Amino acid sequence: MKKIGILVFFGLISWTGISQGNNQEYIKKVLETTEVELLYSYYSQDGDNAAVTGGEGTEKLTDMTPTIVVSIPIGEDNVLSLDAGISAYTSASSSNINPFDGNNSASPWVESSGASRSDVLTYFHPTFTHSSKDRNVIVSGNMAVSAEYDYFSFGFGGGYTHLMNEKNTELGISGQVYLDTYNPQYPIELREGFFDSRITGTGTYSPLFNEFNQLNRNTYSISLNFSQIITKRLQASLSLDMIFQEGLLSTPHQRVYLQDRNDFFIEEFQLADNVEKLPFNRFKVPIGGRIAYYLNELLSLRSYFRYYYDDWGVTAYTGSLEIPIKISDKFTVYPMYRYYTQTASDYFYPKETALSTYDYYTSDYDLSAFNSNQYGFGITYKDIFTQSKVWKFGLKSISFRFNQYERTTGLSASIFELGAKFIMD
């Protein structure tokens, strides 16, 4: 299947290249020259509700993500974009998949030094875009491949955009499919053959756990978009997404402690009664809207609102505002604020409140009821004449962004992002 997709992909490139060669009329290219964008982000969080340890314990995590995006013009009407990167994280919570393999005492509040403490995700995402001669129709296709130690994902999709009303109105539809597979890493005490003479508790430790026999997760999504330039100063857009997931939607290494089961410990670490159990289907519907208003040459407003619903019982609202302030011809700063609130999933239970008779349960606080606030700012430098040079590339823009995230469950995170875009001479 993958070989067929690749042949079709490059066959389309060849066909469009031939068709361009037969047209002698000059047409301005969609992209004049190759562009290279370098991105780097650093994410750091901490909290007290780690899902790996049943909703209680350290959530300390750091993640570094370098990314490169190369956009290459092919003929006048086509662009090939290659997006690749890695995400390298260190996580105190995931280290406690096996809390007994280090020199520290076993505790949900102390990270282990074992192999599950860190991992690297790599991904590759090529996208091919074709624009019609009048630039009123844009067709795109993409693939996505990513892998880490316990997870592999392959995706593909496409989109169609139509511009009307002298390009003041835009309608778009796109779809995406992800076919993912787990290599499950269960908590160490639930694995076959586990034994430790230090176990304490009343009775005999006998968890309810059975390994999952369904290790695939498929995601299908379709997106509808509408954008309208209303006046010279005002632009608005609406989007509707429909997402359906099937397969293993539980995370195999997230513990659950049940109310009607005896507690067992090794040192300060409580042994799992089971891992989270969630339905094998989920349907999500986000509906969003954006409004951008140009006040004057120095100041603009960008607002966003989204309503979210899924059939696991989660309802959420998001609102954000960004205010770009142009302080010179080349520099723009933009403070921003984002608010988010959600209800709890029907299957969320804090530690030792779910019963073993329930069909589904989780203690993952991402599925709890909470509110969050995110504050941030950014600064962008743009040089349309690309006067600064790095080898054969001129610097088009450079940007920095910082955001601070606070959640009512106690989770706190900081996000730093740096980006630079270059144009080949």
Protein backbone atom coordinates (compact mmCIF):
# COMPACT_ATOMS: atom_id res chain seq x y z
CA MET A 1 0.00 0.00 0.00
CA LYS A 2 2.78 2.44 0.90
CA LYS A 3 4.64 1.68 -2.37
CA ILE A 4 1.50 2.40 -4.39
CA GLY A 5 1.00 5.69 -2.50
CA ILE A 6 4.57 6.78 -3.22
CA LEU A 7 4.26 5.94 -6.93
CA VAL A 8 1.01 7.89 -7.21
CA PHE A 9 2.54 10.79 -5.27
CA PHE A 10 5.59 11.17 -7.52
CA GLY A 11 3.56 10.34 -10.60
CA LEU A 12 1.36 13.34 -9.86
CA ILE A 13 4.47 15.51 -9.55
CA SER A 14 5.76 14.27 -12.92
CA TRP A 15 2.39 14.81 -14.64
CA THR A 16 2.03 18.36 -13.38
CA GLY A 17 5.62 19.11 -14.38
CA ILE A 18 4.94 17.94 -17.97
CA SER A 19 1.73 19.95 -18.19
CA GLN A 20 3.62 23.09 -17.16
CA GLY A 21 6.17 22.54 -19.91
CA ASN A 22 3.46 22.73 -22.56
CA ASN A 23 2.27 26.17 -21.45
CA GLN A 24 4.40 28.97 -22.85
CA GLU A 25 2.43 31.80 -21.19
CA TYR A 26 4.23 33.36 -18.24
CA ILE A 27 2.49 32.64 -14.95
CA LYS A 28 3.71 33.87 -11.59
CA LYS A 29 4.79 30.93 -9.48
CA VAL A 30 2.86 29.99 -6.35
CA LEU A 31 6.25 29.90 -4.60
CA GLU A 32 9.11 31.76 -6.29
CA THR A 33 12.03 30.00 -4.63
CA THR A 34 12.87 27.35 -2.05
CA GLU A 35 12.13 28.30 1.55
CA VAL A 36 13.61 26.71 4.66
CA GLU A 37 12.10 27.14 8.10
CA LEU A 38 13.96 26.10 11.26
CA LEU A 39 11.90 25.68 14.42
CA TYR A 40 12.77 24.80 17.98
CA SER A 41 10.54 24.44 21.02
CA TYR A 42 11.24 23.67 24.66
CA TYR A 43 8.42 22.50 26.94
CA SER A 44 8.59 22.02 30.70
CA GLN A 45 5.79 20.99 33.08
CA ASP A 46 5.15 19.86 36.62
CA GLY A 47 2.11 18.77 38.61
CA ASP A 48 0.76 16.26 41.14
CA ASN A 49 -1.66 14.06 39.17
CA ALA A 50 0.39 11.68 37.03
CA ALA A 51 -1.78 9.21 35.11
CA VAL A 52 1.06 6.64 35.11
CA THR A 53 0.74 6.41 38.89
CA GLY A 54 -3.07 6.41 39.05
CA GLY A 55 -3.73 10.14 39.27
CA GLU A 56 -1.30 10.87 42.09
CA GLY A 57 2.40 11.64 41.75
CA THR A 58 4.86 13.86 39.94
CA GLU A 59 4.05 15.05 36.41
CA LYS A 60 7.48 16.53 35.83
CA LEU A 61 8.41 16.44 32.13
CA THR A 62 10.66 18.25 29.68
CA ASP A 63 10.53 18.04 25.90
CA MET A 64 12.79 19.50 23.19
CA THR A 65 11.61 19.56 19.57
CA PRO A 66 13.85 20.72 16.70
CA THR A 67 12.05 20.83 13.34
CA ILE A 68 12.92 21.69 9.74
CA VAL A 69 10.38 22.55 7.04
CA VAL A 70 11.55 22.81 3.44
CA SER A 71 9.16 24.17 0.79
CA ILE A 72 10.22 23.53 -2.82
CA PRO A 73 8.51 25.02 -5.88
CA ILE A 74 7.85 22.51 -8.69
CA GLY A 75 6.88 24.34 -11.84
CA GLU A 76 4.64 27.39 -11.57
CA ASP A 77 1.70 25.74 -9.81
CA ASN A 78 3.08 23.20 -7.36
CA VAL A 79 4.84 23.15 -4.01
CA LEU A 80 6.38 20.19 -2.21
CA SER A 81 6.82 20.72 1.55
CA LEU A 82 8.94 18.39 3.65
CA ASP A 83 8.41 18.64 7.40
CA ALA A 84 10.69 16.54 9.62
CA GLY A 85 11.80 16.61 13.22
CA ILE A 86 12.35 14.86 16.51
CA SER A 87 10.79 15.23 19.92
CA ALA A 88 13.08 14.19 22.77
CA TYR A 89 11.51 14.08 26.22
CA THR A 90 12.45 13.16 29.77
CA SER A 91 9.52 12.29 32.02
CA ALA A 92 9.47 11.60 35.74
CA SER A 93 5.98 10.11 35.49
CA SER A 94 6.66 7.69 32.63
CA SER A 95 9.86 6.62 34.41
CA ASN A 96 7.54 5.06 36.98
CA ILE A 97 6.26 2.48 34.52
CA ASN A 98 8.99 0.59 36.41
CA PRO A 99 9.71 2.43 39.67
CA PHE A 100 11.82 -0.43 41.04
CA ASP A 101 14.79 -0.33 38.67
CA GLY A 102 16.73 2.57 40.19
CA ASN A 103 18.71 3.40 43.29
CA ASN A 104 16.05 5.73 44.73
CA SER A 105 13.26 4.51 46.97
CA ALA A 106 10.09 3.60 45.07
CA SER A 107 7.57 6.47 45.29
CA PRO A 108 5.06 8.13 42.93
CA TRP A 109 6.72 11.44 43.80
CA VAL A 110 10.23 10.34 42.81
CA GLU A 111 11.30 9.54 39.26
CA SER A 112 13.01 6.28 38.44
CA SER A 113 16.24 6.17 36.47
CA GLY A 114 15.09 3.32 34.21
CA ALA A 115 14.70 3.07 30.45
CA SER A 116 11.13 4.44 30.39
CA ARG A 117 12.39 7.75 31.79
CA SER A 118 13.08 9.16 28.29
CA ASP A 119 12.20 8.56 24.67
CA VAL A 120 12.57 10.14 21.23
CA LEU A 121 9.78 10.55 18.69
CA THR A 122 10.77 11.06 15.06
CA TYR A 123 8.40 12.18 12.35
CA PHE A 124 8.31 12.94 8.63
CA HIS A 125 5.42 14.75 6.93
CA PRO A 126 5.58 15.52 3.18
CA THR A 127 2.80 17.60 1.58
CA PHE A 128 2.21 18.26 -2.13
CA THR A 129 0.05 21.24 -3.15
CA HIS A 130 -1.25 22.08 -6.64
CA SER A 131 -2.88 25.44 -7.52
CA SER A 132 -5.00 26.07 -10.60
CA LYS A 133 -3.89 28.60 -13.23
CA ASP A 134 -6.24 31.27 -11.88
CA ARG A 135 -5.16 30.43 -8.31
CA ASN A 136 -8.79 29.88 -7.29
CA VAL A 137 -8.48 26.15 -6.65
CA ILE A 138 -5.90 24.47 -4.41
CA VAL A 139 -5.59 20.69 -4.12
CA SER A 140 -3.24 19.03 -1.65
CA GLY A 141 -2.16 15.57 -0.54
CA ASN A 142 0.03 14.52 2.36
CA MET A 143 1.55 11.62 4.24
CA ALA A 144 2.69 11.44 7.86
CA VAL A 145 4.96 8.91 9.55
CA SER A 146 6.06 9.01 13.19
CA ALA A 147 7.59 6.50 15.57
CA GLU A 148 8.73 6.17 19.15
CA TYR A 149 9.59 3.23 21.36
CA ASP A 150 6.03 2.08 22.07
CA TYR A 151 4.06 3.67 19.21
CA PHE A 152 4.07 3.85 15.41
CA SER A 153 1.79 6.03 13.29
CA PHE A 154 1.17 6.21 9.55
CA GLY A 155 -1.19 8.80 8.12
CA PHE A 156 -2.36 10.18 4.81
CA GLY A 157 -4.86 12.76 3.68
CA GLY A 158 -5.82 15.49 1.26
CA GLY A 159 -7.66 18.75 0.87
CA TYR A 160 -9.57 20.92 -1.59
CA THR A 161 -9.88 24.72 -1.33
CA HIS A 162 -11.94 26.98 -3.60
CA LEU A 163 -11.59 30.78 -3.63
CA MET A 164 -14.48 32.88 -4.92
CA ASN A 165 -15.74 36.44 -5.03
CA GLU A 166 -12.38 37.83 -6.20
CA LYS A 167 -10.67 35.69 -3.54
CA ASN A 168 -12.68 37.31 -0.74
CA THR A 169 -14.46 34.04 0.03
CA GLU A 170 -12.76 30.74 0.73
CA LEU A 171 -14.31 27.27 1.10
CA GLY A 172 -12.27 24.24 2.02
CA ILE A 173 -12.64 20.57 2.83
CA SER A 174 -9.93 18.18 3.98
CA GLY A 175 -9.63 14.68 5.34
CA GLN A 176 -7.01 12.72 7.24
CA VAL A 177 -6.51 9.09 8.24
CA TYR A 178 -4.07 7.83 10.88
CA LEU A 179 -3.33 4.12 11.31
CA ASP A 180 -1.46 3.65 14.58
CA THR A 181 -0.06 0.64 16.42
CA TYR A 182 0.98 0.24 20.06
CA ASN A 183 3.90 -1.74 21.40
CA PRO A 184 2.37 -1.70 24.91
CA GLN A 185 4.58 -1.08 27.93
CA TYR A 186 2.46 -2.24 30.87
CA PRO A 187 3.30 -1.28 34.47
CA ILE A 188 6.05 -3.58 35.66
CA GLU A 189 3.97 -5.24 38.40
CA LEU A 190 1.35 -6.32 35.83
CA ARG A 191 3.78 -8.11 33.55
CA GLU A 192 3.97 -11.88 33.47
CA GLY A 193 6.47 -13.34 35.93
CA PHE A 194 6.71 -10.27 38.19
CA PHE A 195 7.73 -11.11 41.77
CA ASP A 196 9.09 -8.97 44.59
CA SER A 197 9.45 -10.16 48.19
CA ARG A 198 8.95 -6.61 49.50
CA ILE A 199 5.19 -6.50 48.69
CA THR A 200 3.12 -5.51 51.73
CA GLY A 201 -0.66 -5.51 52.13
CA THR A 202 -3.62 -7.53 53.37
CA GLY A 203 -4.03 -10.82 51.53
CA THR A 204 -2.36 -11.77 48.25
CA TYR A 205 -1.66 -9.28 45.48
CA SER A 206 -3.85 -10.38 42.55
CA PRO A 207 -4.59 -7.57 40.04
CA LEU A 208 -7.53 -7.66 37.62
CA PHE A 209 -5.29 -7.00 34.65
CA ASN A 210 -5.49 -8.72 31.26
CA GLU A 211 -3.32 -7.68 28.33
CA PHE A 212 -5.05 -5.85 25.49
CA ASN A 213 -5.64 -8.00 22.41
CA GLN A 214 -6.43 -4.97 20.22
CA LEU A 215 -3.24 -2.96 19.64
CA ASN A 216 -4.32 -0.75 16.73
CA ARG A 217 -5.82 2.73 16.84
CA ASN A 218 -7.37 4.27 13.73
CA THR A 219 -8.40 7.91 13.46
CA TYR A 220 -10.53 9.37 10.66
CA SER A 221 -11.21 13.08 10.41
CA ILE A 222 -12.92 15.47 8.04
CA SER A 223 -12.68 19.27 8.25
CA LEU A 224 -14.88 21.95 6.68
CA ASN A 225 -13.66 25.55 6.56
CA PHE A 226 -15.23 28.84 5.50
CA SER A 227 -13.42 32.19 5.43
CA GLN A 228 -14.75 35.59 4.39
CA ILE A 229 -13.14 39.01 4.00
CA ILE A 230 -16.02 41.20 5.18
CA THR A 231 -14.41 44.62 4.88
CA LYS A 232 -10.91 45.94 4.31
CA ARG A 233 -10.41 45.71 8.08
CA LEU A 234 -12.45 42.67 9.07
CA GLN A 235 -12.03 38.98 8.25
CA ALA A 236 -13.88 36.00 9.80
CA SER A 237 -13.71 32.24 9.46
CA LEU A 238 -15.58 29.17 10.68
CA SER A 239 -14.44 25.56 10.93
CA LEU A 240 -16.14 22.25 11.68
CA ASP A 241 -14.24 19.04 12.38
CA MET A 242 -15.64 15.54 12.76
CA ILE A 243 -13.25 12.97 14.19
CA PHE A 244 -13.88 9.28 14.73
CA GLN A 245 -11.46 6.97 16.53
CA GLU A 246 -11.57 3.21 16.90
CA GLY A 247 -9.31 0.62 18.45
CA LEU A 248 -7.11 0.84 21.53
CA LEU A 249 -7.93 4.26 23.03
CA SER A 250 -6.67 3.34 26.50
CA THR A 251 -3.03 4.07 27.35
CA PRO A 252 -1.51 0.72 28.41
CA HIS A 253 0.87 2.10 31.05
CA GLN A 254 -1.61 4.27 33.00
CA ARG A 255 -2.51 2.67 36.34
CA VAL A 256 -5.88 2.68 38.11
CA TYR A 257 -6.48 2.11 41.84
CA LEU A 258 -9.96 0.78 42.64
CA GLN A 259 -12.12 1.44 45.67
CA ASP A 260 -13.12 -2.20 46.33
CA ARG A 261 -9.63 -3.73 46.11
CA ASN A 262 -7.04 -4.08 48.87
CA ASP A 263 -3.97 -1.84 48.70
CA PHE A 264 -0.53 -3.33 48.15
CA PHE A 265 2.82 -1.51 48.27
CA ILE A 266 6.50 -1.87 47.63
CA GLU A 267 8.10 0.76 49.83
CA GLU A 268 6.00 3.92 49.19
CA PHE A 269 4.75 2.84 45.76
CA GLN A 270 1.24 1.44 45.45
CA LEU A 271 0.83 -1.46 43.02
CA ALA A 272 -1.82 -1.18 40.31
CA ASP A 273 -5.21 -2.84 40.52
CA ASN A 274 -5.52 -2.48 36.74
CA VAL A 275 -4.69 -0.14 33.86
CA GLU A 276 -7.23 2.33 32.53
CA LYS A 277 -10.09 0.84 30.51
CA LEU A 278 -11.78 3.09 27.97
CA PRO A 279 -14.27 2.41 25.14
CA PHE A 280 -12.92 1.29 21.78
CA ASN A 281 -14.74 4.10 19.95
CA ARG A 282 -14.80 7.88 20.32
CA PHE A 283 -16.49 10.59 18.28
CA LYS A 284 -15.37 14.23 18.57
CA VAL A 285 -16.85 17.43 17.14
CA PRO A 286 -14.94 20.75 17.50
CA ILE A 287 -16.56 23.88 16.04
CA GLY A 288 -14.37 26.98 15.86
CA GLY A 289 -14.45 30.55 14.69
CA ARG A 290 -11.89 33.32 14.15
CA ILE A 291 -12.22 37.07 13.77
CA ALA A 292 -9.31 39.29 12.70
CA TYR A 293 -9.73 43.05 12.82
CA TYR A 294 -7.21 45.61 11.54
CA LEU A 295 -7.46 48.72 13.72
CA ASN A 296 -4.66 50.72 12.13
CA GLU A 297 -1.12 50.29 10.79
CA LEU A 298 0.15 49.69 14.32
CA LEU A 299 -2.49 47.47 15.93
CA SER A 300 -4.63 44.45 15.03
CA LEU A 301 -6.89 42.05 16.94
CA ARG A 302 -7.09 38.29 16.44
CA SER A 303 -9.73 36.37 18.36
CA TYR A 304 -10.63 32.70 18.43
CA PHE A 305 -13.47 30.68 19.93
CA ARG A 306 -14.10 26.92 19.90
CA TYR A 307 -16.81 24.60 21.20
CA TYR A 308 -15.94 20.93 21.64
CA TYR A 309 -18.10 17.86 22.27
CA ASP A 310 -17.38 14.14 22.37
CA ASP A 311 -19.38 11.04 23.23
CA TRP A 312 -17.24 10.31 26.28
CA GLY A 313 -19.02 13.13 28.08
CA VAL A 314 -16.43 15.89 27.59
CA THR A 315 -17.72 19.34 26.67
CA ALA A 316 -15.22 22.18 26.35
CA TYR A 317 -14.97 25.87 25.44
CA THR A 318 -11.89 27.76 24.30
CA GLY A 319 -11.42 31.49 23.86
CA SER A 320 -8.26 33.38 22.96
CA LEU A 321 -7.13 36.86 21.99
CA GLU A 322 -3.87 37.92 20.34
CA ILE A 323 -2.96 41.57 19.74
CA PRO A 324 -0.17 42.10 17.17
CA ILE A 325 1.49 45.49 17.73
CA LYS A 326 3.76 46.74 14.95
CA ILE A 327 6.53 48.70 16.65
CA SER A 328 8.54 49.29 13.46
CA ASP A 329 8.66 48.24 9.80
CA LYS A 330 10.43 45.05 10.79
CA PHE A 331 9.37 44.27 14.36
CA THR A 332 5.99 43.14 15.67
CA VAL A 333 5.15 42.08 19.22
CA TYR A 334 2.02 40.17 20.11
CA PRO A 335 0.74 39.55 23.64
CA MET A 336 -1.87 36.79 23.90
CA TYR A 337 -4.27 35.14 26.34
CA ARG A 338 -6.17 31.83 26.12
CA TYR A 339 -8.87 30.44 28.39
CA TYR A 340 -10.09 26.85 28.35
CA THR A 341 -12.69 24.96 30.38
CA GLN A 342 -13.99 21.40 30.13
CA THR A 343 -16.32 18.97 31.90
CA ALA A 344 -15.14 15.58 33.10
CA SER A 345 -15.42 12.45 31.02
CA ASP A 346 -18.04 9.92 32.08
CA TYR A 347 -15.18 7.51 32.73
CA PHE A 348 -12.94 9.69 34.92
CA TYR A 349 -12.53 8.70 38.57
CA PRO A 350 -9.98 10.06 41.06
CA LYS A 351 -7.80 7.55 42.85
CA GLU A 352 -9.70 4.72 44.60
CA THR A 353 -13.21 5.92 43.67
CA ALA A 354 -13.96 3.59 40.73
CA LEU A 355 -15.31 0.08 41.35
CA SER A 356 -14.01 -3.10 39.76
CA THR A 357 -17.52 -3.78 38.41
CA TYR A 358 -17.40 -0.72 36.15
CA ASP A 359 -16.86 -1.38 32.45
CA TYR A 360 -14.63 1.69 31.98
CA TYR A 361 -12.47 3.85 34.23
CA THR A 362 -9.44 6.14 34.15
CA SER A 363 -7.62 8.44 36.57
CA ASP A 364 -6.04 10.54 33.82
CA TYR A 365 -6.64 14.17 34.83
CA ASP A 366 -6.62 15.21 31.15
CA LEU A 367 -10.15 13.75 31.21
CA SER A 368 -11.17 15.46 34.46
CA ALA A 369 -13.10 18.71 34.83
CA PHE A 370 -10.74 21.69 34.86
CA ASN A 371 -10.13 25.26 33.74
CA SER A 372 -6.86 26.57 32.34
CA ASN A 373 -5.29 29.94 31.61
CA GLN A 374 -2.46 30.55 29.18
CA TYR A 375 -0.54 33.83 29.01
CA GLY A 376 2.09 34.62 26.47
CA PHE A 377 3.87 37.02 24.18
CA GLY A 378 5.93 36.86 21.06
CA ILE A 379 8.12 39.02 18.86
CA THR A 380 8.70 38.73 15.11
CA TYR A 381 11.35 40.26 12.87
CA LYS A 382 10.57 40.37 9.13
CA ASP A 383 12.82 41.47 6.29
CA ILE A 384 10.99 41.32 2.96
CA PHE A 385 14.23 42.18 1.15
CA THR A 386 16.19 39.38 2.91
CA GLN A 387 19.22 41.60 3.43
CA SER A 388 20.83 39.26 6.00
CA LYS A 389 22.44 36.21 4.38
CA VAL A 390 23.46 32.75 5.55
CA TRP A 391 25.36 31.06 2.73
CA LYS A 392 22.88 31.00 -0.21
CA PHE A 393 19.87 31.80 1.93
CA GLY A 394 18.43 35.18 2.86
CA LEU A 395 16.75 35.63 6.24
CA LYS A 396 13.05 36.35 5.72
CA SER A 397 11.86 36.27 9.33
CA ILE A 398 12.77 35.25 12.85
CA SER A 399 10.37 34.86 15.75
CA PHE A 400 10.29 34.05 19.45
CA ARG A 401 7.27 33.08 21.55
CA PHE A 402 6.77 32.28 25.24
CA ASN A 403 3.64 30.91 26.91
CA GLN A 404 2.85 30.08 30.52
CA TYR A 405 0.08 27.52 31.11
CA GLU A 406 -1.75 27.04 34.42
CA ARG A 407 -4.45 24.45 35.09
CA THR A 408 -6.79 24.21 38.09
CA THR A 409 -5.69 20.60 38.67
CA GLY A 410 -2.26 21.98 39.63
CA LEU A 411 -0.48 21.34 36.33
CA SER A 412 1.86 24.17 35.32
CA ALA A 413 3.85 24.40 32.08
CA SER A 414 6.20 26.77 30.25
CA ILE A 415 6.65 26.75 26.47
CA PHE A 416 9.47 28.47 24.56
CA GLU A 417 9.43 28.58 20.75
CA LEU A 418 12.02 29.94 18.32
CA GLY A 419 11.74 30.01 14.54
CA ALA A 420 13.61 31.35 11.52
CA LYS A 421 12.63 31.33 7.82
CA PHE A 422 15.15 31.57 4.98
CA ILE A 423 14.73 32.03 1.21
CA MET A 424 17.21 30.60 -1.27
CA ASP A 425 18.74 33.26 -3.53
